[in-house]
């Protein structure tokens, strides 16, 4: 039952990201990776894995030469990571892997990707972010599919949960901004701001319906809200909220049928990128008024789309969710560079 609902929830939250184009990309054959190479710098693709059974995996991509190493956790530890792999973060030489259905956070040494410990009995963990140099990580936990979720505050060195903070329904996206933690309650219209000194809620910001993405730009935290889809009740349009201190301004999309997702900052830092059903669009953070998207800068849809702050744009295609997916890499001018084979259901990407 849990695994069945997991599939529904992931696809429902990202419903617009399932309209893949029918065109086929040629898969680039990458160079053979150096088996002795450390994982100190590069791209980690978190492959969710089969939804009904099986395990998630981690694919490592060398940023310099595009060498690909598949299932690096299994190779290093001789055991599967677990179902469903959800997200990843890193702090110094420690990697943290969030595994949703397995209810755990797995710690690895980034020199060799060997496990150094695990926090178990997590309640449907989802997103993770490191709070600057505090030595703490914050993990969103859905807890259930009907009530409030929470945030687990983790001491990275001891691999212990310090405390848990109750937030809203279905907390998913989490971000570090201006020395605070921000958590998007994706089944409501709020973003919770957490004081990392006391680990208590400082304030709750009202934004648009169903916030799903958080991006920090200077003093502004931009919050992408998908709006309520027609299948979930009265349909509402997507929105982009901007939080500055205690102030919130909201720009609505012009059409009620527009439900954006996959908010990211272009590596050049000058524009926000987001996705609609017709592809990836660009938006200036300084713009005002309602949002009326024009022609997409990339005319195709992705399961996940984000930008490497040090390099390229990355979009994942989960294909049929039972066979290996691909990562498509784009230059900063939005031209396709290449496509790399990864694991099953490639979801979030961690850039290190």
Protein backbone atom coordinates (compact mmCIF):
# COMPACT_ATOMS: atom_id res chain seq x y z
CA UNK A 1 0.00 0.00 0.00
CA UNK A 2 2.74 2.45 0.88
CA UNK A 3 4.68 1.79 -2.29
CA UNK A 4 1.54 2.12 -4.39
CA UNK A 5 0.76 5.51 -2.87
CA UNK A 6 4.38 6.56 -3.28
CA UNK A 7 4.06 6.17 -7.01
CA UNK A 8 0.82 8.12 -7.05
CA UNK A 9 2.15 10.92 -4.88
CA UNK A 10 5.36 11.46 -6.83
CA UNK A 11 3.64 11.48 -10.17
CA UNK A 12 0.76 13.60 -8.90
CA UNK A 13 3.01 16.26 -7.41
CA UNK A 14 4.94 16.41 -10.67
CA UNK A 15 2.02 15.65 -12.95
CA UNK A 16 3.06 18.06 -15.64
CA UNK A 17 6.48 16.46 -15.86
CA UNK A 18 5.12 13.25 -17.35
CA UNK A 19 4.41 14.58 -20.83
CA UNK A 20 7.61 13.44 -22.45
CA UNK A 21 8.19 14.15 -26.09
CA UNK A 22 8.31 11.29 -28.52
CA UNK A 23 11.67 12.20 -30.01
CA UNK A 24 14.62 9.97 -29.27
CA UNK A 25 18.06 11.16 -28.25
CA UNK A 26 21.22 9.31 -29.01
CA UNK A 27 22.94 8.13 -25.86
CA UNK A 28 26.54 9.32 -25.66
CA UNK A 29 29.06 6.65 -24.78
CA UNK A 30 31.09 8.20 -21.95
CA UNK A 31 34.74 7.46 -21.23
CA UNK A 32 35.63 4.66 -18.85
CA UNK A 33 35.78 6.12 -15.32
CA UNK A 34 38.77 5.86 -13.05
CA UNK A 35 37.76 3.31 -10.37
CA UNK A 36 40.08 4.98 -7.87
CA UNK A 37 38.54 8.43 -8.35
CA UNK A 38 36.98 10.04 -5.30
CA UNK A 39 33.49 11.54 -5.26
CA UNK A 40 34.63 14.90 -3.93
CA UNK A 41 33.36 16.85 -6.92
CA UNK A 42 30.81 15.96 -9.55
CA UNK A 43 27.16 15.21 -10.31
CA UNK A 44 25.09 12.69 -8.35
CA UNK A 45 21.86 11.53 -10.00
CA UNK A 46 19.41 10.09 -7.48
CA UNK A 47 17.57 7.33 -9.32
CA UNK A 48 14.34 6.58 -7.45
CA UNK A 49 14.18 3.00 -8.71
CA UNK A 50 11.06 0.91 -9.40
CA UNK A 51 8.06 2.15 -7.44
CA UNK A 52 6.56 -1.22 -6.55
CA UNK A 53 9.75 -3.04 -5.62
CA UNK A 54 13.49 -3.02 -6.13
CA UNK A 55 15.94 -0.35 -5.07
CA UNK A 56 16.98 3.18 -5.81
CA UNK A 57 20.51 3.83 -7.05
CA UNK A 58 23.04 6.64 -7.36
CA UNK A 59 24.76 7.46 -10.66
CA UNK A 60 27.93 9.55 -10.50
CA UNK A 61 28.91 11.77 -13.44
CA UNK A 62 32.35 13.32 -13.65
CA UNK A 63 31.87 17.02 -14.33
CA UNK A 64 35.08 17.29 -16.40
CA UNK A 65 34.94 14.34 -18.79
CA UNK A 66 31.36 13.00 -18.37
CA UNK A 67 32.61 9.60 -17.17
CA UNK A 68 29.64 7.73 -15.68
CA UNK A 69 29.66 5.31 -12.75
CA UNK A 70 26.42 3.46 -12.17
CA UNK A 71 24.98 2.30 -8.82
CA UNK A 72 27.95 3.55 -6.83
CA UNK A 73 26.36 2.72 -3.47
CA UNK A 74 25.85 -0.95 -4.40
CA UNK A 75 29.37 -1.20 -5.79
CA UNK A 76 30.95 0.30 -2.67
CA UNK A 77 28.82 -1.52 -0.06
CA UNK A 78 27.76 -4.77 -1.74
CA UNK A 79 24.12 -4.13 -0.82
CA UNK A 80 21.26 -2.13 -2.33
CA UNK A 81 20.46 1.39 -1.21
CA UNK A 82 16.73 0.78 -0.75
CA UNK A 83 13.40 1.99 -2.08
CA UNK A 84 12.62 4.82 -2.98
CA UNK A 85 15.78 6.97 -3.28
CA UNK A 86 14.61 10.56 -2.94
CA UNK A 87 17.38 13.14 -2.50
CA UNK A 88 21.01 13.76 -1.54
CA UNK A 89 23.11 16.38 0.23
CA UNK A 90 26.75 16.63 1.27
CA UNK A 91 28.83 18.29 3.97
CA UNK A 92 32.62 18.22 3.88
CA UNK A 93 33.48 14.54 3.17
CA UNK A 94 30.06 13.17 4.13
CA UNK A 95 27.23 12.36 1.73
CA UNK A 96 23.66 11.88 2.96
CA UNK A 97 21.15 9.81 0.98
CA UNK A 98 17.44 10.07 1.76
CA UNK A 99 15.46 6.89 1.08
CA UNK A 100 11.71 7.40 1.34
CA UNK A 101 9.92 4.04 1.56
CA UNK A 102 12.83 2.52 3.47
CA UNK A 103 12.49 5.35 6.00
CA UNK A 104 16.17 6.16 6.42
CA UNK A 105 19.05 8.52 5.83
CA UNK A 106 22.20 6.71 4.74
CA UNK A 107 25.61 8.34 5.39
CA UNK A 108 28.55 7.70 3.06
CA UNK A 109 32.20 8.71 2.94
CA UNK A 110 32.67 10.65 -0.29
CA UNK A 111 36.19 9.31 -0.73
CA UNK A 112 34.86 5.86 -1.59
CA UNK A 113 31.06 5.99 -1.08
CA UNK A 114 31.17 3.39 1.68
CA UNK A 115 28.45 3.63 4.30
CA UNK A 116 29.49 5.22 7.58
CA UNK A 117 26.14 4.94 9.36
CA UNK A 118 22.39 5.22 9.00
CA UNK A 119 19.45 6.89 10.71
CA UNK A 120 16.48 4.56 10.54
CA UNK A 121 12.81 4.84 11.49
CA UNK A 122 12.35 8.06 9.55
CA UNK A 123 8.72 8.74 8.60
CA UNK A 124 8.67 8.95 4.79
CA UNK A 125 11.67 11.29 4.45
CA UNK A 126 11.87 13.38 1.31
CA UNK A 127 14.03 16.51 0.96
CA UNK A 128 17.33 17.39 2.63
CA UNK A 129 19.49 20.49 2.94
CA UNK A 130 22.64 21.34 4.88
CA UNK A 131 22.46 24.47 7.04
CA UNK A 132 25.63 26.25 6.00
CA UNK A 133 28.55 25.54 8.36
CA UNK A 134 26.41 24.62 11.37
CA UNK A 135 27.13 20.90 11.00
CA UNK A 136 23.38 20.22 10.82
CA UNK A 137 21.13 18.88 8.08
CA UNK A 138 17.37 19.29 7.86
CA UNK A 139 15.24 16.48 6.43
CA UNK A 140 11.56 16.84 5.56
CA UNK A 141 9.36 13.93 6.60
CA UNK A 142 5.89 13.47 5.15
CA UNK A 143 4.93 11.32 8.19
CA UNK A 144 1.60 10.36 6.60
CA UNK A 145 -0.48 11.17 3.55
CA UNK A 146 -3.29 12.81 5.51
CA UNK A 147 -1.88 15.02 8.26
CA UNK A 148 1.00 17.34 9.08
CA UNK A 149 4.58 16.48 8.34
CA UNK A 150 7.73 17.44 10.19
CA UNK A 151 11.40 18.36 9.82
CA UNK A 152 14.12 16.24 11.42
CA UNK A 153 17.16 18.21 12.60
CA UNK A 154 20.25 16.00 12.20
CA UNK A 155 23.70 16.41 13.72
CA UNK A 156 25.91 15.25 10.86
CA UNK A 157 28.95 14.30 12.93
CA UNK A 158 27.09 12.07 15.40
CA UNK A 159 24.43 10.95 12.89
CA UNK A 160 21.71 11.62 15.44
CA UNK A 161 18.33 13.33 15.23
CA UNK A 162 18.53 16.32 17.56
CA UNK A 163 14.85 17.19 17.43
CA UNK A 164 11.80 17.23 15.18
CA UNK A 165 9.75 20.27 14.21
CA UNK A 166 6.10 19.87 13.18
CA UNK A 167 5.28 21.74 9.98
CA UNK A 168 2.42 21.52 7.45
CA UNK A 169 1.06 18.91 5.08
CA UNK A 170 3.45 17.09 2.77
CA UNK A 171 6.66 19.07 3.35
CA UNK A 172 8.86 18.46 0.36
CA UNK A 173 11.20 21.19 -0.86
CA UNK A 174 13.63 22.60 1.71
CA UNK A 175 16.24 25.35 1.30
CA UNK A 176 18.99 27.23 3.15
CA UNK A 177 18.52 30.99 2.71
CA UNK A 178 19.88 33.95 4.68
CA UNK A 179 20.95 31.70 7.57
CA UNK A 180 17.49 30.21 7.92
CA UNK A 181 15.81 26.99 6.82
CA UNK A 182 12.70 27.28 4.65
CA UNK A 183 10.28 24.38 4.17
CA UNK A 184 7.53 24.26 1.53
CA UNK A 185 4.32 22.54 2.63
CA UNK A 186 3.42 21.16 -0.78
CA UNK A 187 -0.18 20.22 0.01
CA UNK A 188 -1.00 23.66 1.41
CA UNK A 189 -0.10 27.27 0.56
CA UNK A 190 2.59 27.96 3.15
CA UNK A 191 6.35 28.07 3.62
CA UNK A 192 7.74 27.65 7.12
CA UNK A 193 10.84 29.61 8.20
CA UNK A 194 13.00 27.95 10.87
CA UNK A 195 15.53 29.62 13.17
CA UNK A 196 18.57 27.29 13.15
CA UNK A 197 19.88 28.54 16.49
CA UNK A 198 16.80 27.51 18.48
CA UNK A 199 15.44 25.10 15.85
CA UNK A 200 11.99 26.58 16.22
CA UNK A 201 9.56 28.09 13.71
CA UNK A 202 10.19 31.80 13.33
CA UNK A 203 7.28 32.54 11.01
CA UNK A 204 4.98 30.97 8.41
CA UNK A 205 4.64 32.66 5.01
CA UNK A 206 1.48 32.40 2.93
CA UNK A 207 2.28 31.83 -0.74
CA UNK A 208 0.41 30.26 -3.67
CA UNK A 209 -1.23 26.82 -3.65
CA UNK A 210 1.08 23.80 -3.55
CA UNK A 211 4.60 25.27 -3.32
CA UNK A 212 7.10 22.88 -4.92
CA UNK A 213 10.37 24.75 -5.49
CA UNK A 214 12.63 27.12 -3.57
CA UNK A 215 15.50 29.18 -5.01
CA UNK A 216 17.64 31.72 -3.17
CA UNK A 217 18.72 34.83 -5.12
CA UNK A 218 20.41 37.50 -3.00
CA UNK A 219 18.02 38.57 -0.25
CA UNK A 220 15.05 37.04 -2.06
CA UNK A 221 13.71 33.52 -1.72
CA UNK A 222 11.63 32.61 -4.76
CA UNK A 223 8.89 30.03 -4.23
CA UNK A 224 7.33 28.28 -7.23
CA UNK A 225 3.77 27.13 -6.60
CA UNK A 226 2.10 24.66 -8.94
CA UNK A 227 -1.47 25.63 -8.07
CA UNK A 228 -4.20 23.08 -7.46
CA UNK A 229 -4.77 20.71 -10.41
CA UNK A 230 -8.30 19.93 -11.56
CA UNK A 231 -8.14 16.36 -10.26
CA UNK A 232 -7.50 17.60 -6.71
CA UNK A 233 -10.40 20.04 -6.35
CA UNK A 234 -11.09 23.55 -7.56
CA UNK A 235 -8.33 24.30 -10.04
CA UNK A 236 -6.07 27.25 -9.28
CA UNK A 237 -3.28 28.77 -11.34
CA UNK A 238 0.38 28.42 -10.52
CA UNK A 239 2.27 31.31 -8.97
CA UNK A 240 5.72 32.62 -8.16
CA UNK A 241 6.11 34.08 -4.67
CA UNK A 242 9.04 36.20 -3.51
CA UNK A 243 9.91 36.28 0.19
CA UNK A 244 12.09 39.12 1.46
CA UNK A 245 12.31 39.14 5.23
CA UNK A 246 8.72 38.98 6.48
CA UNK A 247 7.25 40.36 3.23
CA UNK A 248 5.70 38.20 0.51
CA UNK A 249 4.76 39.27 -3.01
CA UNK A 250 2.97 36.90 -5.38
CA UNK A 251 2.78 36.81 -9.16
CA UNK A 252 0.10 34.54 -10.62
CA UNK A 253 0.27 32.75 -13.95
CA UNK A 254 -2.29 34.04 -16.42
CA UNK A 255 -4.00 30.71 -17.11
CA UNK A 256 -5.58 28.52 -14.45
CA UNK A 257 -4.36 25.45 -16.34
CA UNK A 258 -0.67 26.40 -15.91
CA UNK A 259 0.93 24.27 -13.18
CA UNK A 260 4.70 24.96 -13.13
CA UNK A 261 7.42 22.91 -11.44
CA UNK A 262 11.20 22.35 -11.46
CA UNK A 263 12.29 25.83 -10.42
CA UNK A 264 16.04 26.42 -10.77
CA UNK A 265 18.49 29.29 -11.19
CA UNK A 266 20.37 29.57 -14.47
CA UNK A 267 24.13 29.07 -13.85
CA UNK A 268 24.74 32.61 -15.07
CA UNK A 269 22.57 33.81 -12.19
CA UNK A 270 20.48 36.17 -14.29
CA UNK A 271 17.25 34.25 -14.76
CA UNK A 272 14.97 31.70 -13.17
CA UNK A 273 14.03 28.59 -15.11
CA UNK A 274 10.84 26.58 -14.59
CA UNK A 275 8.84 23.96 -16.45
CA UNK A 276 5.36 23.79 -17.94
CA UNK A 277 3.89 21.04 -20.10
CA UNK A 278 5.33 22.58 -23.27
CA UNK A 279 8.89 22.76 -21.93
CA UNK A 280 11.31 24.85 -19.91
CA UNK A 281 10.75 28.61 -19.65
CA UNK A 282 12.93 31.50 -18.54
CA UNK A 283 11.88 34.37 -16.26
CA UNK A 284 13.73 37.42 -14.93
CA UNK A 285 13.61 37.63 -11.12
CA UNK A 286 13.21 41.40 -11.39
CA UNK A 287 10.09 41.21 -13.58
CA UNK A 288 6.69 42.19 -12.20
CA UNK A 289 3.02 41.61 -12.95
CA UNK A 290 1.25 38.40 -13.89
CA UNK A 291 3.26 35.69 -15.63
CA UNK A 292 2.39 34.98 -19.26
CA UNK A 293 4.94 32.46 -20.58
CA UNK A 294 6.12 32.80 -24.14
CA UNK A 295 8.06 30.32 -26.20
CA UNK A 296 9.97 27.74 -24.12
CA UNK A 297 13.76 27.87 -24.19
CA UNK A 298 13.80 24.06 -24.29
CA UNK A 299 10.76 22.60 -26.03
CA UNK A 300 10.47 19.35 -24.15
CA UNK A 301 9.43 18.15 -20.73
CA UNK A 302 11.51 16.43 -18.05
CA UNK A 303 10.87 14.36 -14.96
CA UNK A 304 13.42 16.55 -13.19
CA UNK A 305 15.18 19.66 -14.44
CA UNK A 306 17.86 21.72 -12.68
CA UNK A 307 21.09 23.61 -13.26
CA UNK A 308 24.62 22.86 -12.15
CA UNK A 309 25.84 26.13 -10.57
CA UNK A 310 29.29 25.32 -11.98
CA UNK A 311 28.28 24.22 -15.43
CA UNK A 312 25.48 22.80 -17.53
CA UNK A 313 21.71 22.33 -17.40
CA UNK A 314 20.44 18.83 -16.60
CA UNK A 315 17.11 17.25 -17.48
CA UNK A 316 16.09 13.68 -16.71
CA UNK A 317 13.82 11.41 -18.71
CA UNK A 318 12.40 8.55 -16.64
CA UNK A 319 11.14 6.75 -19.76
CA UNK A 320 8.74 3.99 -18.61
CA UNK A 321 9.86 3.99 -14.94
CA UNK A 322 10.93 0.34 -15.18
CA UNK A 323 13.98 0.57 -17.46
CA UNK A 324 17.01 2.81 -17.25
CA UNK A 325 16.42 6.51 -17.80
CA UNK A 326 18.69 9.14 -19.28
CA UNK A 327 20.13 12.51 -18.33
CA UNK A 328 20.16 15.12 -21.08
CA UNK A 329 22.82 17.81 -20.68
CA UNK A 330 22.32 21.26 -22.18
CA UNK A 331 24.72 24.13 -22.72
CA UNK A 332 23.92 27.42 -21.03
CA UNK A 333 22.45 28.68 -24.31
CA UNK A 334 19.93 25.77 -24.14
CA UNK A 335 21.43 23.68 -26.95
CA UNK A 336 21.61 19.93 -26.33
CA UNK A 337 25.14 18.76 -25.52
CA UNK A 338 24.67 15.02 -24.97
CA UNK A 339 22.60 12.29 -23.28
CA UNK A 340 23.89 9.86 -20.67
CA UNK A 341 22.35 6.61 -19.51
CA UNK A 342 21.56 6.50 -15.77
CA UNK A 343 19.39 4.34 -13.49
CA UNK A 344 15.65 3.70 -13.19
CA UNK A 345 13.48 6.80 -12.64
CA UNK A 346 16.19 9.48 -12.37
CA UNK A 347 14.81 12.14 -10.04
CA UNK A 348 16.68 14.77 -8.09
CA UNK A 349 20.31 15.71 -8.81
CA UNK A 350 22.95 16.77 -6.29
CA UNK A 351 25.71 19.06 -7.57
CA UNK A 352 28.94 19.03 -5.58
